[in-house]
PDB file of N, CA and C in Angstrom:
ATOM      1  N   UNK A   1      48.520-122.076 188.352  1.00  0.00           N
ATOM      2  CA  UNK A   1      48.865-120.704 188.618  1.00  0.00           C
ATOM      3  C   UNK A   1      49.247-120.048 187.288  1.00  0.00           C
ATOM      4  N   UNK A   2      48.793-118.827 187.103  1.00  0.00           N
ATOM      5  CA  UNK A   2      49.039-118.141 185.838  1.00  0.00           C
ATOM      6  C   UNK A   2      49.409-116.684 186.056  1.00  0.00           C
ATOM      7  N   UNK A   3      49.929-116.078 185.004  1.00  0.00           N
ATOM      8  CA  UNK A   3      50.189-114.650 184.992  1.00  0.00           C
ATOM      9  C   UNK A   3      51.205-114.185 186.011  1.00  0.00           C
ATOM     10  N   UNK A   4      50.943-113.024 186.598  1.00  0.00           N
ATOM     11  CA  UNK A   4      51.898-112.428 187.529  1.00  0.00           C
ATOM     12  C   UNK A   4      52.257-113.344 188.701  1.00  0.00           C
ATOM     13  N   UNK A   5      51.264-114.054 189.224  1.00  0.00           N
ATOM     14  CA  UNK A   5      51.544-114.973 190.333  1.00  0.00           C
ATOM     15  C   UNK A   5      52.505-116.083 189.924  1.00  0.00           C
ATOM     16  N   UNK A   6      52.376-116.541 188.713  1.00  0.00           N
ATOM     17  CA  UNK A   6      53.262-117.588 188.199  1.00  0.00           C
ATOM     18  C   UNK A   6      54.702-117.074 188.134  1.00  0.00           C
ATOM     19  N   UNK A   7      54.875-115.850 187.645  1.00  0.00           N
ATOM     20  CA  UNK A   7      56.206-115.250 187.558  1.00  0.00           C
ATOM     21  C   UNK A   7      56.799-115.087 188.959  1.00  0.00           C
ATOM     22  N   UNK A   8      56.005-114.614 189.900  1.00  0.00           N
ATOM     23  CA  UNK A   8      56.490-114.455 191.277  1.00  0.00           C
ATOM     24  C   UNK A   8      56.901-115.795 191.879  1.00  0.00           C
ATOM     25  N   UNK A   9      56.105-116.832 191.624  1.00  0.00           N
ATOM     26  CA  UNK A   9      56.417-118.164 192.153  1.00  0.00           C
ATOM     27  C   UNK A   9      57.720-118.697 191.559  1.00  0.00           C
ATOM     28  N   UNK A  10      57.877-118.539 190.251  1.00  0.00           N
ATOM     29  CA  UNK A  10      59.112-118.990 189.599  1.00  0.00           C
ATOM     30  C   UNK A  10      60.327-118.264 190.175  1.00  0.00           C
ATOM     31  N   UNK A  11      60.221-116.962 190.327  1.00  0.00           N
ATOM     32  CA  UNK A  11      61.332-116.177 190.870  1.00  0.00           C
ATOM     33  C   UNK A  11      61.668-116.622 192.287  1.00  0.00           C
ATOM     34  N   UNK A  12      60.662-116.852 193.090  1.00  0.00           N
ATOM     35  CA  UNK A  12      60.893-117.289 194.476  1.00  0.00           C
ATOM     36  C   UNK A  12      61.556-118.669 194.517  1.00  0.00           C
ATOM     37  N   UNK A  13      61.085-119.575 193.675  1.00  0.00           N
ATOM     38  CA  UNK A  13      61.654-120.925 193.648  1.00  0.00           C
ATOM     39  C   UNK A  13      63.107-120.920 193.167  1.00  0.00           C
ATOM     40  N   UNK A  14      63.390-120.120 192.171  1.00  0.00           N
ATOM     41  CA  UNK A  14      64.713-120.132 191.557  1.00  0.00           C
ATOM     42  C   UNK A  14      65.736-119.238 192.267  1.00  0.00           C
ATOM     43  N   UNK A  15      65.251-118.233 192.964  1.00  0.00           N
ATOM     44  CA  UNK A  15      66.166-117.303 193.645  1.00  0.00           C
ATOM     45  C   UNK A  15      65.568-116.895 194.990  1.00  0.00           C
ATOM     46  N   UNK A  16      65.468-117.851 195.918  1.00  0.00           N
ATOM     47  CA  UNK A  16      64.827-117.557 197.204  1.00  0.00           C
ATOM     48  C   UNK A  16      65.526-116.457 198.004  1.00  0.00           C
ATOM     49  N   UNK A  17      66.782-116.211 197.718  1.00  0.00           N
ATOM     50  CA  UNK A  17      67.520-115.162 198.436  1.00  0.00           C
ATOM     51  C   UNK A  17      67.522-113.839 197.674  1.00  0.00           C
ATOM     52  N   UNK A  18      66.742-113.746 196.616  1.00  0.00           N
ATOM     53  CA  UNK A  18      66.647-112.517 195.838  1.00  0.00           C
ATOM     54  C   UNK A  18      67.532-112.534 194.609  1.00  0.00           C
ATOM     55  N   UNK A  19      67.448-111.485 193.828  1.00  0.00           N
ATOM     56  CA  UNK A  19      68.215-111.371 192.586  1.00  0.00           C
ATOM     57  C   UNK A  19      68.282-109.902 192.200  1.00  0.00           C
ATOM     58  N   UNK A  20      69.205-109.597 191.337  1.00  0.00           N
ATOM     59  CA  UNK A  20      69.345-108.218 190.879  1.00  0.00           C
ATOM     60  C   UNK A  20      68.666-107.989 189.537  1.00  0.00           C
ATOM     61  N   UNK A  21      68.623-109.019 188.715  1.00  0.00           N
ATOM     62  CA  UNK A  21      68.079-108.867 187.377  1.00  0.00           C
ATOM     63  C   UNK A  21      67.181-110.068 187.074  1.00  0.00           C
ATOM     64  N   UNK A  22      65.934-109.808 186.723  1.00  0.00           N
ATOM     65  CA  UNK A  22      64.982-110.888 186.451  1.00  0.00           C
ATOM     66  C   UNK A  22      65.477-111.808 185.333  1.00  0.00           C
ATOM     67  N   UNK A  23      66.246-111.261 184.395  1.00  0.00           N
ATOM     68  CA  UNK A  23      66.771-112.075 183.286  1.00  0.00           C
ATOM     69  C   UNK A  23      67.732-113.160 183.769  1.00  0.00           C
ATOM     70  N   UNK A  24      68.293-112.976 184.961  1.00  0.00           N
ATOM     71  CA  UNK A  24      69.173-113.992 185.532  1.00  0.00           C
ATOM     72  C   UNK A  24      68.379-115.160 186.110  1.00  0.00           C
ATOM     73  N   UNK A  25      67.090-114.943 186.305  1.00  0.00           N
ATOM     74  CA  UNK A  25      66.248-115.943 186.968  1.00  0.00           C
ATOM     75  C   UNK A  25      65.257-116.580 185.996  1.00  0.00           C
ATOM     76  N   UNK A  26      64.665-115.756 185.144  1.00  0.00           N
ATOM     77  CA  UNK A  26      63.648-116.230 184.198  1.00  0.00           C
ATOM     78  C   UNK A  26      63.970-115.620 182.831  1.00  0.00           C
ATOM     79  N   UNK A  27      64.066-116.461 181.827  1.00  0.00           N
ATOM     80  CA  UNK A  27      64.399-115.960 180.489  1.00  0.00           C
ATOM     81  C   UNK A  27      63.251-115.130 179.919  1.00  0.00           C
ATOM     82  N   UNK A  28      63.585-114.245 179.008  1.00  0.00           N
ATOM     83  CA  UNK A  28      62.554-113.422 178.373  1.00  0.00           C
ATOM     84  C   UNK A  28      61.581-114.298 177.587  1.00  0.00           C
ATOM     85  N   UNK A  29      62.072-115.396 177.018  1.00  0.00           N
ATOM     86  CA  UNK A  29      61.201-116.316 176.298  1.00  0.00           C
ATOM     87  C   UNK A  29      60.180-116.947 177.250  1.00  0.00           C
ATOM     88  N   UNK A  30      60.646-117.331 178.426  1.00  0.00           N
ATOM     89  CA  UNK A  30      59.740-117.941 179.402  1.00  0.00           C
ATOM     90  C   UNK A  30      58.723-116.912 179.903  1.00  0.00           C
ATOM     91  N   UNK A  31      59.155-115.685 180.124  1.00  0.00           N
ATOM     92  CA  UNK A  31      58.227-114.630 180.546  1.00  0.00           C
ATOM     93  C   UNK A  31      57.168-114.391 179.477  1.00  0.00           C
ATOM     94  N   UNK A  32      57.583-114.408 178.229  1.00  0.00           N
ATOM     95  CA  UNK A  32      56.646-114.222 177.121  1.00  0.00           C
ATOM     96  C   UNK A  32      55.635-115.367 177.070  1.00  0.00           C
ATOM     97  N   UNK A  33      56.091-116.594 177.281  1.00  0.00           N
ATOM     98  CA  UNK A  33      55.189-117.752 177.280  1.00  0.00           C
ATOM     99  C   UNK A  33      54.166-117.654 178.405  1.00  0.00           C
ATOM    100  N   UNK A  34      54.605-117.238 179.586  1.00  0.00           N
ATOM    101  CA  UNK A  34      53.688-117.070 180.722  1.00  0.00           C
ATOM    102  C   UNK A  34      52.659-115.990 180.382  1.00  0.00           C
ATOM    103  N   UNK A  35      53.125-114.895 179.786  1.00  0.00           N
ATOM    104  CA  UNK A  35      52.219-113.811 179.389  1.00  0.00           C
ATOM    105  C   UNK A  35      51.196-114.251 178.372  1.00  0.00           C
ATOM    106  N   UNK A  36      51.624-115.003 177.373  1.00  0.00           N
ATOM    107  CA  UNK A  36      50.702-115.491 176.340  1.00  0.00           C
ATOM    108  C   UNK A  36      49.644-116.420 176.944  1.00  0.00           C
ATOM    109  N   UNK A  37      50.076-117.320 177.820  1.00  0.00           N
ATOM    110  CA  UNK A  37      49.138-118.247 178.452  1.00  0.00           C
ATOM    111  C   UNK A  37      48.118-117.491 179.304  1.00  0.00           C
ATOM    112  N   UNK A  38      48.589-116.471 180.008  1.00  0.00           N
ATOM    113  CA  UNK A  38      47.686-115.686 180.856  1.00  0.00           C
ATOM    114  C   UNK A  38      46.688-114.896 180.007  1.00  0.00           C
ATOM    115  N   UNK A  39      47.144-114.289 178.922  1.00  0.00           N
ATOM    116  CA  UNK A  39      46.243-113.548 178.051  1.00  0.00           C
ATOM    117  C   UNK A  39      45.161-114.462 177.500  1.00  0.00           C
ATOM    118  N   UNK A  40      45.545-115.664 177.100  1.00  0.00           N
ATOM    119  CA  UNK A  40      44.584-116.616 176.558  1.00  0.00           C
ATOM    120  C   UNK A  40      43.562-117.006 177.624  1.00  0.00           C
ATOM    121  N   UNK A  41      44.027-117.306 178.815  1.00  0.00           N
ATOM    122  CA  UNK A  41      43.144-117.690 179.917  1.00  0.00           C
ATOM    123  C   UNK A  41      42.188-116.560 180.292  1.00  0.00           C
ATOM    124  N   UNK A  42      42.692-115.337 180.326  1.00  0.00           N
ATOM    125  CA  UNK A  42      41.899-114.188 180.749  1.00  0.00           C
ATOM    126  C   UNK A  42      41.032-113.608 179.632  1.00  0.00           C
ATOM    127  N   UNK A  43      41.225-114.090 178.406  1.00  0.00           N
ATOM    128  CA  UNK A  43      40.448-113.584 177.287  1.00  0.00           C
ATOM    129  C   UNK A  43      41.016-112.302 176.710  1.00  0.00           C
ATOM    130  N   UNK A  44      42.297-112.060 176.937  1.00  0.00           N
ATOM    131  CA  UNK A  44      42.945-110.856 176.427  1.00  0.00           C
ATOM    132  C   UNK A  44      43.838-111.130 175.225  1.00  0.00           C
ATOM    133  N   UNK A  45      43.739-112.332 174.656  1.00  0.00           N
ATOM    134  CA  UNK A  45      44.508-112.620 173.446  1.00  0.00           C
ATOM    135  C   UNK A  45      43.868-111.849 172.288  1.00  0.00           C
ATOM    136  N   UNK A  46      44.639-111.554 171.277  1.00  0.00           N
ATOM    137  CA  UNK A  46      44.185-110.688 170.194  1.00  0.00           C
ATOM    138  C   UNK A  46      42.910-111.194 169.520  1.00  0.00           C
ATOM    139  N   UNK A  47      42.826-112.474 169.277  1.00  0.00           N
ATOM    140  CA  UNK A  47      41.648-113.028 168.588  1.00  0.00           C
ATOM    141  C   UNK A  47      40.373-112.794 169.407  1.00  0.00           C
ATOM    142  N   UNK A  48      40.423-113.064 170.704  1.00  0.00           N
ATOM    143  CA  UNK A  48      39.254-112.888 171.563  1.00  0.00           C
ATOM    144  C   UNK A  48      38.873-111.419 171.693  1.00  0.00           C
ATOM    145  N   UNK A  49      39.868-110.555 171.874  1.00  0.00           N
ATOM    146  CA  UNK A  49      39.600-109.122 171.994  1.00  0.00           C
ATOM    147  C   UNK A  49      38.961-108.587 170.717  1.00  0.00           C
ATOM    148  N   UNK A  50      39.505-108.974 169.568  1.00  0.00           N
ATOM    149  CA  UNK A  50      38.939-108.519 168.297  1.00  0.00           C
ATOM    150  C   UNK A  50      37.515-109.028 168.094  1.00  0.00           C
ATOM    151  N   UNK A  51      37.257-110.261 168.487  1.00  0.00           N
ATOM    152  CA  UNK A  51      35.911-110.833 168.362  1.00  0.00           C
ATOM    153  C   UNK A  51      34.927-110.052 169.232  1.00  0.00           C
ATOM    154  N   UNK A  52      35.317-109.772 170.473  1.00  0.00           N
ATOM    155  CA  UNK A  52      34.436-109.019 171.377  1.00  0.00           C
ATOM    156  C   UNK A  52      34.221-107.594 170.876  1.00  0.00           C
ATOM    157  N   UNK A  53      35.243-106.991 170.290  1.00  0.00           N
ATOM    158  CA  UNK A  53      35.106-105.638 169.746  1.00  0.00           C
ATOM    159  C   UNK A  53      34.088-105.622 168.615  1.00  0.00           C
ATOM    160  N   UNK A  54      34.142-106.619 167.747  1.00  0.00           N
ATOM    161  CA  UNK A  54      33.183-106.696 166.637  1.00  0.00           C
ATOM    162  C   UNK A  54      31.766-106.910 167.161  1.00  0.00           C
ATOM    163  N   UNK A  55      31.631-107.778 168.181  1.00  0.00           N
ATOM    164  CA  UNK A  55      30.309-108.066 168.742  1.00  0.00           C
ATOM    165  C   UNK A  55      29.692-106.835 169.400  1.00  0.00           C
ATOM    166  N   UNK A  56      30.516-105.998 169.980  1.00  0.00           N
ATOM    167  CA  UNK A  56      29.995-104.836 170.697  1.00  0.00           C
ATOM    168  C   UNK A  56      30.049-103.548 169.871  1.00  0.00           C
ATOM    169  N   UNK A  57      30.442-103.655 168.625  1.00  0.00           N
ATOM    170  CA  UNK A  57      30.561-102.489 167.747  1.00  0.00           C
ATOM    171  C   UNK A  57      29.228-101.761 167.652  1.00  0.00           C
ATOM    172  N   UNK A  58      29.253-100.472 167.943  1.00  0.00           N
ATOM    173  CA  UNK A  58      28.044 -99.663 167.846  1.00  0.00           C
ATOM    174  C   UNK A  58      27.174 -99.676 169.081  1.00  0.00           C
ATOM    175  N   UNK A  59      27.425-100.551 170.045  1.00  0.00           N
ATOM    176  CA  UNK A  59      26.583-100.612 171.238  1.00  0.00           C
ATOM    177  C   UNK A  59      26.674 -99.338 172.060  1.00  0.00           C
ATOM    178  N   UNK A  60      27.869 -98.764 172.175  1.00  0.00           N
ATOM    179  CA  UNK A  60      28.040 -97.562 172.989  1.00  0.00           C
ATOM    180  C   UNK A  60      27.212 -96.409 172.429  1.00  0.00           C
ATOM    181  N   UNK A  61      27.291 -96.186 171.147  1.00  0.00           N
ATOM    182  CA  UNK A  61      26.549 -95.070 170.565  1.00  0.00           C
ATOM    183  C   UNK A  61      25.044 -95.323 170.637  1.00  0.00           C
ATOM    184  N   UNK A  62      24.609 -96.559 170.483  1.00  0.00           N
ATOM    185  CA  UNK A  62      23.188 -96.886 170.581  1.00  0.00           C
ATOM    186  C   UNK A  62      22.678 -96.631 171.994  1.00  0.00           C
ATOM    187  N   UNK A  63      23.444 -97.016 173.006  1.00  0.00           N
ATOM    188  CA  UNK A  63      23.056 -96.788 174.407  1.00  0.00           C
ATOM    189  C   UNK A  63      23.011 -95.293 174.707  1.00  0.00           C
ATOM    190  N   UNK A  64      23.956 -94.534 174.200  1.00  0.00           N
ATOM    191  CA  UNK A  64      24.003 -93.090 174.419  1.00  0.00           C
ATOM    192  C   UNK A  64      22.760 -92.428 173.829  1.00  0.00           C
ATOM    193  N   UNK A  65      22.374 -92.845 172.638  1.00  0.00           N
ATOM    194  CA  UNK A  65      21.191 -92.273 171.994  1.00  0.00           C
ATOM    195  C   UNK A  65      19.933 -92.606 172.776  1.00  0.00           C
ATOM    196  N   UNK A  66      19.833 -93.840 173.318  1.00  0.00           N
ATOM    197  CA  UNK A  66      18.686 -94.225 174.134  1.00  0.00           C
ATOM    198  C   UNK A  66      18.556 -93.317 175.351  1.00  0.00           C
ATOM    199  N   UNK A  67      19.675 -93.066 176.023  1.00  0.00           N
ATOM    200  CA  UNK A  67      19.679 -92.239 177.214  1.00  0.00           C
ATOM    201  C   UNK A  67      19.307 -90.796 176.895  1.00  0.00           C
ATOM    202  N   UNK A  68      19.729 -90.275 175.761  1.00  0.00           N
ATOM    203  CA  UNK A  68      19.376 -88.907 175.375  1.00  0.00           C
ATOM    204  C   UNK A  68      17.884 -88.776 175.116  1.00  0.00           C
ATOM    205  N   UNK A  69      17.294 -89.780 174.517  1.00  0.00           N
ATOM    206  CA  UNK A  69      15.872 -89.744 174.216  1.00  0.00           C
ATOM    207  C   UNK A  69      15.051 -89.794 175.498  1.00  0.00           C
ATOM    208  N   UNK A  70      15.496 -90.553 176.502  1.00  0.00           N
ATOM    209  CA  UNK A  70      14.765 -90.695 177.758  1.00  0.00           C
ATOM    210  C   UNK A  70      14.813 -89.428 178.603  1.00  0.00           C
ATOM    211  N   UNK A  71      15.846 -88.628 178.443  1.00  0.00           N
ATOM    212  CA  UNK A  71      16.036 -87.446 179.297  1.00  0.00           C
ATOM    213  C   UNK A  71      15.120 -86.331 178.918  1.00  0.00           C
TER     214      UNK A  71
END
């Protein structure tokens, strides 16, 4: 389990009767670790996003020009 579902599961396990402040249940460090793991799994980590941006650089403008020529 990863990301938001993981956080919900942790909160439920640690405070089944509810809580007033998430920091009382899950530390900010742990929330950050869950977020980092989820970004990596989903491909939203900075390295992957930057790589995809470089790979797709210029594709939007090239597609737009193709469509203008066809019209």
